[in-house]
């Protein structure tokens, strides 16, 4: 099992994303999206290579959360 570490920049990005959804759709929407993101990322502790190498940011990986 791997540790999930949120760098300061990632934490700031997540806060900005959730703030946007809270402003646009309300706190319930922001909480729902935040929960889905956290659940999806927690799965990376067991299967870390479900993410792919980023074609946009060198040296990083990308992971897409499902809509369900």
PDB file of N, CA and C in Angstrom:
ATOM      1  N   UNK A   1       0.849  -1.179   0.000  1.00  0.00           N
ATOM      2  CA  UNK A   1       0.000   0.000   0.000  1.00  0.00           C
ATOM      3  C   UNK A   1       0.895   1.242   0.000  1.00  0.00           C
ATOM      4  N   UNK A   2       0.500   2.244  -0.779  1.00  0.00           N
ATOM      5  CA  UNK A   2       1.232   3.503  -0.867  1.00  0.00           C
ATOM      6  C   UNK A   2       0.514   4.585  -0.066  1.00  0.00           C
ATOM      7  N   UNK A   3       1.275   5.555   0.386  1.00  0.00           N
ATOM      8  CA  UNK A   3       0.682   6.710   1.074  1.00  0.00           C
ATOM      9  C   UNK A   3       0.236   7.733   0.041  1.00  0.00           C
ATOM     10  N   UNK A   4      -0.912   8.329   0.256  1.00  0.00           N
ATOM     11  CA  UNK A   4      -1.396   9.412  -0.595  1.00  0.00           C
ATOM     12  C   UNK A   4      -0.956  10.710   0.067  1.00  0.00           C
ATOM     13  N   UNK A   5      -0.134  11.474  -0.636  1.00  0.00           N
ATOM     14  CA  UNK A   5       0.404  12.723  -0.102  1.00  0.00           C
ATOM     15  C   UNK A   5      -0.111  13.870  -0.957  1.00  0.00           C
ATOM     16  N   UNK A   6      -0.769  14.819  -0.316  1.00  0.00           N
ATOM     17  CA  UNK A   6      -1.264  16.006  -1.009  1.00  0.00           C
ATOM     18  C   UNK A   6      -0.229  17.114  -0.856  1.00  0.00           C
ATOM     19  N   UNK A   7       0.427  17.476  -1.940  1.00  0.00           N
ATOM     20  CA  UNK A   7       1.357  18.608  -1.905  1.00  0.00           C
ATOM     21  C   UNK A   7       0.552  19.885  -1.682  1.00  0.00           C
ATOM     22  N   UNK A   8       1.209  20.929  -1.214  1.00  0.00           N
ATOM     23  CA  UNK A   8       0.526  22.204  -0.929  1.00  0.00           C
ATOM     24  C   UNK A   8      -0.195  22.742  -2.171  1.00  0.00           C
ATOM     25  N   UNK A   9       0.436  22.629  -3.321  1.00  0.00           N
ATOM     26  CA  UNK A   9      -0.198  23.110  -4.561  1.00  0.00           C
ATOM     27  C   UNK A   9      -1.448  22.303  -4.898  1.00  0.00           C
ATOM     28  N   UNK A  10      -1.399  20.995  -4.661  1.00  0.00           N
ATOM     29  CA  UNK A  10      -2.564  20.142  -4.918  1.00  0.00           C
ATOM     30  C   UNK A  10      -3.699  20.490  -3.958  1.00  0.00           C
ATOM     31  N   UNK A  11      -3.370  20.749  -2.704  1.00  0.00           N
ATOM     32  CA  UNK A  11      -4.391  21.137  -1.730  1.00  0.00           C
ATOM     33  C   UNK A  11      -5.045  22.452  -2.135  1.00  0.00           C
ATOM     34  N   UNK A  12      -4.231  23.397  -2.594  1.00  0.00           N
ATOM     35  CA  UNK A  12      -4.767  24.692  -3.029  1.00  0.00           C
ATOM     36  C   UNK A  12      -5.652  24.521  -4.261  1.00  0.00           C
ATOM     37  N   UNK A  13      -5.231  23.665  -5.197  1.00  0.00           N
ATOM     38  CA  UNK A  13      -6.041  23.403  -6.392  1.00  0.00           C
ATOM     39  C   UNK A  13      -7.375  22.776  -6.024  1.00  0.00           C
ATOM     40  N   UNK A  14      -7.346  21.798  -5.122  1.00  0.00           N
ATOM     41  CA  UNK A  14      -8.575  21.131  -4.698  1.00  0.00           C
ATOM     42  C   UNK A  14      -9.516  22.122  -4.019  1.00  0.00           C
ATOM     43  N   UNK A  15      -8.976  22.969  -3.174  1.00  0.00           N
ATOM     44  CA  UNK A  15      -9.791  23.986  -2.506  1.00  0.00           C
ATOM     45  C   UNK A  15     -10.411  24.932  -3.531  1.00  0.00           C
ATOM     46  N   UNK A  16      -9.654  25.329  -4.539  1.00  0.00           N
ATOM     47  CA  UNK A  16     -10.177  26.217  -5.583  1.00  0.00           C
ATOM     48  C   UNK A  16     -11.291  25.532  -6.370  1.00  0.00           C
ATOM     49  N   UNK A  17     -11.106  24.264  -6.680  1.00  0.00           N
ATOM     50  CA  UNK A  17     -12.133  23.508  -7.411  1.00  0.00           C
ATOM     51  C   UNK A  17     -13.411  23.422  -6.585  1.00  0.00           C
ATOM     52  N   UNK A  18     -13.272  23.061  -5.317  1.00  0.00           N
ATOM     53  CA  UNK A  18     -14.453  22.906  -4.470  1.00  0.00           C
ATOM     54  C   UNK A  18     -15.119  24.254  -4.187  1.00  0.00           C
ATOM     55  N   UNK A  19     -14.333  25.314  -4.076  1.00  0.00           N
ATOM     56  CA  UNK A  19     -14.903  26.658  -3.895  1.00  0.00           C
ATOM     57  C   UNK A  19     -15.723  27.062  -5.110  1.00  0.00           C
ATOM     58  N   UNK A  20     -15.206  26.746  -6.289  1.00  0.00           N
ATOM     59  CA  UNK A  20     -15.937  27.047  -7.523  1.00  0.00           C
ATOM     60  C   UNK A  20     -17.301  26.347  -7.515  1.00  0.00           C
ATOM     61  N   UNK A  21     -17.293  25.040  -7.229  1.00  0.00           N
ATOM     62  CA  UNK A  21     -18.560  24.303  -7.229  1.00  0.00           C
ATOM     63  C   UNK A  21     -19.501  24.779  -6.126  1.00  0.00           C
ATOM     64  N   UNK A  22     -18.957  25.175  -4.994  1.00  0.00           N
ATOM     65  CA  UNK A  22     -19.798  25.705  -3.916  1.00  0.00           C
ATOM     66  C   UNK A  22     -20.462  27.001  -4.362  1.00  0.00           C
ATOM     67  N   UNK A  23     -19.702  27.858  -5.035  1.00  0.00           N
ATOM     68  CA  UNK A  23     -20.252  29.130  -5.527  1.00  0.00           C
ATOM     69  C   UNK A  23     -21.291  28.911  -6.619  1.00  0.00           C
ATOM     70  N   UNK A  24     -21.016  27.974  -7.517  1.00  0.00           N
ATOM     71  CA  UNK A  24     -21.896  27.764  -8.676  1.00  0.00           C
ATOM     72  C   UNK A  24     -23.102  26.879  -8.375  1.00  0.00           C
ATOM     73  N   UNK A  25     -22.922  25.875  -7.505  1.00  0.00           N
ATOM     74  CA  UNK A  25     -24.001  24.916  -7.302  1.00  0.00           C
ATOM     75  C   UNK A  25     -24.384  24.675  -5.862  1.00  0.00           C
ATOM     76  N   UNK A  26     -23.673  25.276  -4.922  1.00  0.00           N
ATOM     77  CA  UNK A  26     -23.997  25.110  -3.513  1.00  0.00           C
ATOM     78  C   UNK A  26     -23.079  24.131  -2.802  1.00  0.00           C
ATOM     79  N   UNK A  27     -23.158  24.179  -1.485  1.00  0.00           N
ATOM     80  CA  UNK A  27     -22.289  23.349  -0.654  1.00  0.00           C
ATOM     81  C   UNK A  27     -22.525  21.856  -0.838  1.00  0.00           C
ATOM     82  N   UNK A  28     -23.760  21.459  -1.054  1.00  0.00           N
ATOM     83  CA  UNK A  28     -24.048  20.031  -1.226  1.00  0.00           C
ATOM     84  C   UNK A  28     -23.306  19.490  -2.449  1.00  0.00           C
ATOM     85  N   UNK A  29     -23.309  20.261  -3.530  1.00  0.00           N
ATOM     86  CA  UNK A  29     -22.596  19.843  -4.736  1.00  0.00           C
ATOM     87  C   UNK A  29     -21.100  19.768  -4.467  1.00  0.00           C
ATOM     88  N   UNK A  30     -20.541  20.790  -3.830  1.00  0.00           N
ATOM     89  CA  UNK A  30     -19.107  20.811  -3.531  1.00  0.00           C
ATOM     90  C   UNK A  30     -18.719  19.627  -2.638  1.00  0.00           C
ATOM     91  N   UNK A  31     -19.540  19.320  -1.639  1.00  0.00           N
ATOM     92  CA  UNK A  31     -19.261  18.203  -0.748  1.00  0.00           C
ATOM     93  C   UNK A  31     -19.327  16.876  -1.500  1.00  0.00           C
ATOM     94  N   UNK A  32     -20.291  16.745  -2.392  1.00  0.00           N
ATOM     95  CA  UNK A  32     -20.428  15.528  -3.191  1.00  0.00           C
ATOM     96  C   UNK A  32     -19.201  15.331  -4.081  1.00  0.00           C
ATOM     97  N   UNK A  33     -18.791  16.374  -4.755  1.00  0.00           N
ATOM     98  CA  UNK A  33     -17.628  16.280  -5.636  1.00  0.00           C
ATOM     99  C   UNK A  33     -16.369  16.019  -4.820  1.00  0.00           C
ATOM    100  N   UNK A  34     -16.213  16.712  -3.692  1.00  0.00           N
ATOM    101  CA  UNK A  34     -15.059  16.483  -2.829  1.00  0.00           C
ATOM    102  C   UNK A  34     -14.983  15.049  -2.350  1.00  0.00           C
ATOM    103  N   UNK A  35     -16.113  14.490  -1.976  1.00  0.00           N
ATOM    104  CA  UNK A  35     -16.163  13.108  -1.524  1.00  0.00           C
ATOM    105  C   UNK A  35     -15.778  12.142  -2.643  1.00  0.00           C
ATOM    106  N   UNK A  36     -16.282  12.398  -3.848  1.00  0.00           N
ATOM    107  CA  UNK A  36     -15.955  11.532  -4.991  1.00  0.00           C
ATOM    108  C   UNK A  36     -14.468  11.602  -5.314  1.00  0.00           C
ATOM    109  N   UNK A  37     -13.886  12.800  -5.249  1.00  0.00           N
ATOM    110  CA  UNK A  37     -12.454  12.947  -5.521  1.00  0.00           C
ATOM    111  C   UNK A  37     -11.649  12.195  -4.465  1.00  0.00           C
ATOM    112  N   UNK A  38     -11.976  12.380  -3.188  1.00  0.00           N
ATOM    113  CA  UNK A  38     -11.249  11.710  -2.110  1.00  0.00           C
ATOM    114  C   UNK A  38     -11.354  10.188  -2.221  1.00  0.00           C
ATOM    115  N   UNK A  39     -12.536   9.693  -2.543  1.00  0.00           N
ATOM    116  CA  UNK A  39     -12.733   8.250  -2.690  1.00  0.00           C
ATOM    117  C   UNK A  39     -11.896   7.700  -3.838  1.00  0.00           C
ATOM    118  N   UNK A  40     -11.915   8.409  -4.960  1.00  0.00           N
ATOM    119  CA  UNK A  40     -11.143   7.964  -6.119  1.00  0.00           C
ATOM    120  C   UNK A  40      -9.647   7.972  -5.818  1.00  0.00           C
ATOM    121  N   UNK A  41      -9.172   9.022  -5.183  1.00  0.00           N
ATOM    122  CA  UNK A  41      -7.742   9.119  -4.880  1.00  0.00           C
ATOM    123  C   UNK A  41      -7.312   8.093  -3.842  1.00  0.00           C
ATOM    124  N   UNK A  42      -8.187   7.770  -2.902  1.00  0.00           N
ATOM    125  CA  UNK A  42      -7.846   6.769  -1.886  1.00  0.00           C
ATOM    126  C   UNK A  42      -7.544   5.422  -2.532  1.00  0.00           C
ATOM    127  N   UNK A  43      -8.207   5.120  -3.641  1.00  0.00           N
ATOM    128  CA  UNK A  43      -7.958   3.868  -4.350  1.00  0.00           C
ATOM    129  C   UNK A  43      -6.562   3.776  -4.927  1.00  0.00           C
ATOM    130  N   UNK A  44      -5.918   4.923  -5.128  1.00  0.00           N
ATOM    131  CA  UNK A  44      -4.557   4.910  -5.664  1.00  0.00           C
ATOM    132  C   UNK A  44      -3.556   4.345  -4.667  1.00  0.00           C
ATOM    133  N   UNK A  45      -3.904   4.297  -3.399  1.00  0.00           N
ATOM    134  CA  UNK A  45      -3.011   3.724  -2.392  1.00  0.00           C
ATOM    135  C   UNK A  45      -2.748   2.246  -2.681  1.00  0.00           C
ATOM    136  N   UNK A  46      -3.696   1.593  -3.321  1.00  0.00           N
ATOM    137  CA  UNK A  46      -3.576   0.175  -3.622  1.00  0.00           C
ATOM    138  C   UNK A  46      -3.193  -0.097  -5.069  1.00  0.00           C
ATOM    139  N   UNK A  47      -3.627   0.758  -5.959  1.00  0.00           N
ATOM    140  CA  UNK A  47      -3.352   0.571  -7.389  1.00  0.00           C
ATOM    141  C   UNK A  47      -2.819   1.875  -7.960  1.00  0.00           C
ATOM    142  N   UNK A  48      -1.610   2.221  -7.584  1.00  0.00           N
ATOM    143  CA  UNK A  48      -1.064   3.540  -7.924  1.00  0.00           C
ATOM    144  C   UNK A  48      -0.885   3.761  -9.416  1.00  0.00           C
ATOM    145  N   UNK A  49      -0.755   2.718 -10.197  1.00  0.00           N
ATOM    146  CA  UNK A  49      -0.531   2.904 -11.629  1.00  0.00           C
ATOM    147  C   UNK A  49      -1.813   2.932 -12.439  1.00  0.00           C
ATOM    148  N   UNK A  50      -2.949   3.153 -11.764  1.00  0.00           N
ATOM    149  CA  UNK A  50      -4.193   3.419 -12.492  1.00  0.00           C
ATOM    150  C   UNK A  50      -4.130   4.807 -13.107  1.00  0.00           C
ATOM    151  N   UNK A  51      -3.243   5.645 -12.591  1.00  0.00           N
ATOM    152  CA  UNK A  51      -3.051   6.968 -13.178  1.00  0.00           C
ATOM    153  C   UNK A  51      -2.099   6.827 -14.362  1.00  0.00           C
ATOM    154  N   UNK A  52      -2.073   7.839 -15.219  1.00  0.00           N
ATOM    155  CA  UNK A  52      -1.218   7.805 -16.400  1.00  0.00           C
ATOM    156  C   UNK A  52      -0.234   8.972 -16.360  1.00  0.00           C
ATOM    157  N   UNK A  53       0.881   8.821 -17.057  1.00  0.00           N
ATOM    158  CA  UNK A  53       1.828   9.914 -17.145  1.00  0.00           C
ATOM    159  C   UNK A  53       1.163  11.087 -17.852  1.00  0.00           C
ATOM    160  N   UNK A  54       1.342  12.269 -17.313  1.00  0.00           N
ATOM    161  CA  UNK A  54       0.708  13.465 -17.868  1.00  0.00           C
ATOM    162  C   UNK A  54       1.390  13.890 -19.152  1.00  0.00           C
ATOM    163  N   UNK A  55       0.591  14.240 -20.136  1.00  0.00           N
ATOM    164  CA  UNK A  55       1.130  14.815 -21.371  1.00  0.00           C
ATOM    165  C   UNK A  55       1.165  16.337 -21.266  1.00  0.00           C
ATOM    166  N   UNK A  56       0.591  16.871 -20.189  1.00  0.00           N
ATOM    167  CA  UNK A  56       0.525  18.322 -20.007  1.00  0.00           C
ATOM    168  C   UNK A  56       1.582  18.862 -19.057  1.00  0.00           C
ATOM    169  N   UNK A  57       1.843  18.129 -17.959  1.00  0.00           N
ATOM    170  CA  UNK A  57       2.783  18.597 -16.943  1.00  0.00           C
ATOM    171  C   UNK A  57       3.854  17.529 -16.749  1.00  0.00           C
ATOM    172  N   UNK A  58       5.069  17.842 -17.170  1.00  0.00           N
ATOM    173  CA  UNK A  58       6.183  16.895 -17.108  1.00  0.00           C
ATOM    174  C   UNK A  58       6.423  16.419 -15.666  1.00  0.00           C
ATOM    175  N   UNK A  59       6.633  15.119 -15.518  1.00  0.00           N
ATOM    176  CA  UNK A  59       6.961  14.554 -14.221  1.00  0.00           C
ATOM    177  C   UNK A  59       5.775  14.309 -13.314  1.00  0.00           C
ATOM    178  N   UNK A  60       4.558  14.471 -13.845  1.00  0.00           N
ATOM    179  CA  UNK A  60       3.364  14.233 -13.030  1.00  0.00           C
ATOM    180  C   UNK A  60       2.523  13.136 -13.662  1.00  0.00           C
ATOM    181  N   UNK A  61       1.508  12.724 -12.924  1.00  0.00           N
ATOM    182  CA  UNK A  61       0.576  11.712 -13.417  1.00  0.00           C
ATOM    183  C   UNK A  61      -0.834  12.284 -13.360  1.00  0.00           C
ATOM    184  N   UNK A  62      -1.712  11.754 -14.193  1.00  0.00           N
ATOM    185  CA  UNK A  62      -3.110  12.207 -14.256  1.00  0.00           C
ATOM    186  C   UNK A  62      -4.034  11.065 -13.859  1.00  0.00           C
ATOM    187  N   UNK A  63      -5.138  11.444 -13.240  1.00  0.00           N
ATOM    188  CA  UNK A  63      -6.143  10.460 -12.837  1.00  0.00           C
ATOM    189  C   UNK A  63      -7.504  11.105 -13.023  1.00  0.00           C
ATOM    190  N   UNK A  64      -8.400  10.436 -13.710  1.00  0.00           N
ATOM    191  CA  UNK A  64      -9.721  10.953 -13.960  1.00  0.00           C
ATOM    192  C   UNK A  64     -10.730  10.270 -13.037  1.00  0.00           C
ATOM    193  N   UNK A  65     -11.537  11.072 -12.361  1.00  0.00           N
ATOM    194  CA  UNK A  65     -12.587  10.551 -11.490  1.00  0.00           C
ATOM    195  C   UNK A  65     -13.838  10.317 -12.319  1.00  0.00           C
ATOM    196  N   UNK A  66     -14.519   9.225 -12.052  1.00  0.00           N
ATOM    197  CA  UNK A  66     -15.756   8.944 -12.785  1.00  0.00           C
ATOM    198  C   UNK A  66     -16.895   9.832 -12.296  1.00  0.00           C
ATOM    199  N   UNK A  67     -17.918   9.939 -13.111  1.00  0.00           N
ATOM    200  CA  UNK A  67     -19.080  10.771 -12.763  1.00  0.00           C
ATOM    201  C   UNK A  67     -20.020  10.085 -11.794  1.00  0.00           C
ATOM    202  N   UNK A  68     -19.889   8.784 -11.623  1.00  0.00           N
ATOM    203  CA  UNK A  68     -20.836   8.066 -10.755  1.00  0.00           C
ATOM    204  C   UNK A  68     -20.447   8.119  -9.315  1.00  0.00           C
TER     205      UNK A  68
END
